[in-house]
Every structure is written in structure tokens, then in C-alpha cells.
Protein backbone atom coordinates (compact mmCIF):
# COMPACT_ATOMS: atom_id res chain seq x y z
CA MET A 1 4.31 180.01 -48.59
CA LYS A 2 5.39 181.90 -51.64
CA VAL A 3 2.48 182.87 -53.83
CA ASN A 4 3.32 183.16 -57.51
CA LEU A 5 0.79 185.41 -59.17
CA PRO A 6 1.41 187.76 -62.09
CA GLU A 7 1.18 191.47 -61.32
CA LYS A 8 -2.33 192.71 -62.04
CA LEU A 9 -5.15 194.59 -60.32
CA TYR A 10 -7.57 191.73 -59.73
CA TYR A 11 -7.40 187.96 -59.42
CA SER A 12 -10.20 185.43 -59.77
CA ILE A 13 -10.90 182.97 -56.98
CA GLY A 14 -9.57 180.18 -59.21
CA GLU A 15 -6.24 181.97 -59.64
CA VAL A 16 -6.00 182.61 -55.90
CA ALA A 17 -6.88 179.02 -54.98
CA LYS A 18 -4.33 177.66 -57.46
CA ALA A 19 -1.61 180.02 -56.15
CA PHE A 20 -2.19 178.80 -52.58
CA ASN A 21 -2.69 175.18 -53.73
CA VAL A 22 -6.05 174.98 -51.95
CA ASN A 23 -9.68 174.57 -53.03
CA ALA A 24 -11.70 177.65 -53.93
CA SER A 25 -14.12 176.62 -51.18
CA LEU A 26 -11.38 177.23 -48.58
CA ILE A 27 -10.83 180.75 -49.94
CA ARG A 28 -14.59 181.40 -49.75
CA PHE A 29 -14.66 179.99 -46.22
CA TRP A 30 -11.79 182.23 -45.11
CA GLU A 31 -13.56 185.18 -46.74
CA SER A 32 -16.65 184.46 -44.61
CA GLU A 33 -14.56 184.03 -41.45
CA PHE A 34 -12.16 186.99 -41.76
CA ASP A 35 -13.54 190.51 -42.09
CA SER A 36 -10.23 191.71 -43.53
CA ILE A 37 -10.79 189.77 -46.77
CA LYS A 38 -13.13 191.83 -48.91
CA PRO A 39 -12.90 190.95 -52.58
CA LYS A 40 -14.80 193.09 -55.00
CA LYS A 41 -17.59 191.39 -56.91
CA ASN A 42 -18.63 192.01 -60.48
CA ALA A 43 -22.23 192.08 -61.76
CA LYS A 44 -22.31 188.28 -61.90
CA GLY A 45 -21.07 188.02 -58.32
CA ASN A 46 -17.63 186.71 -59.26
CA ARG A 47 -14.99 187.58 -56.67
CA LYS A 48 -12.09 189.78 -57.71
CA PHE A 49 -9.24 189.74 -55.19
CA THR A 50 -6.81 192.65 -54.88
CA GLN A 51 -3.14 192.61 -53.91
CA LYS A 52 -4.21 193.61 -50.38
CA ASP A 53 -6.54 190.59 -50.24
CA ILE A 54 -3.69 188.35 -51.39
CA LYS A 55 -1.38 189.72 -48.66
CA THR A 56 -4.06 189.07 -46.06
CA LEU A 57 -4.64 185.55 -47.39
CA GLU A 58 -0.88 184.92 -47.25
CA LEU A 59 -0.84 185.91 -43.60
CA ILE A 60 -3.89 183.75 -42.81
CA TYR A 61 -2.35 180.81 -44.66
CA PHE A 62 0.92 181.31 -42.76
CA LEU A 63 -0.82 181.47 -39.38
CA VAL A 64 -3.28 178.61 -39.94
CA LYS A 65 -1.44 176.18 -42.22
CA GLU A 66 2.20 176.77 -41.26
CA LYS A 67 2.03 177.93 -37.64
CA GLY A 68 -0.96 175.77 -36.66
CA TYR A 69 -3.20 178.54 -35.33
CA THR A 70 -6.91 177.92 -34.93
CA LEU A 71 -9.18 180.25 -36.89
CA ASP A 72 -10.07 182.11 -33.69
CA GLY A 73 -6.40 182.37 -32.81
CA ALA A 74 -5.58 183.71 -36.27
CA LYS A 75 -8.43 186.24 -36.03
CA GLN A 76 -7.14 187.51 -32.69
CA HIS A 77 -3.62 187.64 -34.02
CA LEU A 78 -4.73 189.62 -37.07
CA LYS A 79 -6.62 192.12 -34.93
CA HIS A 80 -3.71 192.82 -32.63
CA LYS A 81 -0.59 192.37 -34.68
CA SER A 82 -1.44 192.46 -38.37
CA GLN A 83 1.11 195.11 -39.38
CA LEU A 84 3.89 193.49 -37.40
CA GLU A 85 3.01 190.04 -38.74
CA MET A 86 2.85 191.33 -42.32
CA SER A 87 6.38 192.68 -41.88
CA LYS A 88 7.55 189.38 -40.40
CA LEU A 89 5.88 187.46 -43.21
CA ASP A 90 7.60 189.66 -45.79
CA ILE A 91 10.95 189.02 -44.11
CA VAL A 92 10.33 185.25 -44.00
CA LYS A 93 9.37 185.26 -47.70
CA LYS A 94 12.51 187.20 -48.60
CA LEU A 95 14.71 184.86 -46.56
CA LYS A 96 13.15 181.79 -48.19
CA HIS A 97 13.79 183.35 -51.60
CA ILE A 98 17.43 184.06 -50.66
CA LYS A 99 17.81 180.49 -49.41
CA THR A 100 16.51 179.14 -52.72
CA GLU A 101 18.90 181.40 -54.63
CA LEU A 102 21.84 180.26 -52.50
CA ILE A 103 20.96 176.60 -52.98
CA ASP A 104 20.80 177.15 -56.74
CA LEU A 105 24.17 178.90 -56.67
CA LYS A 106 25.71 176.05 -54.68
CA LYS A 107 24.45 173.52 -57.24
CA HIS A 108 26.24 175.42 -60.01
CA LEU A 109 29.62 175.54 -58.22
């Protein structure tokens, strides 16, 4: 999953949900289930997600939605291999981007 968000310090839950093409309730649910997601909250209690939160959500999305992990399985995976998985996820994202670029180039030949 490639998340398209503009570069900024904080993202609202609506922006995050739209980027992942999921409901905001799923983002809130994952926040309650995964200790590694800790958005800041303003005085009104609105969540403000950081780039680190987005990276973690990308990994959770990848494990749960694309790899078919259960939530418990994803939690265990995050505890034991989060750095390695983040690197793998970055590589997969880059390869998907390259694939898209190559397909576009082929169309123009």
C-alpha cells in the first residue's frame, strides 16, 4: 500500500483514513490495539498523527490487510521484527513505485 500524504508534521485522522482508504474507526481501533501508535491530541482531543505513526500504520496495514496476519500475529511481529519489517516495507514500496514507472514508460514506447 502506497500512502499519498503531503509532507507535514501532523495529519488528522480523516487524512490518515482517506490515505489508507479505510474508515476512521479502523484507525482508532488500531490505535487502541497497538501501543506503537501514539498520536498527539490537541486540547479538543483531536488526534494528530506524525510521520512515525504513519509508518507504523503502513506496517500494520501491510501485515493485516495484505499479508493476512491476525491482530495478535501482527502485534507479535511488530514486537520482534519491527525494524526489519520497516526496511522490507520500504523496499517493497520502492519496488512497486519502480514497477509503476516502468509500466508507464512501456506505455509511451
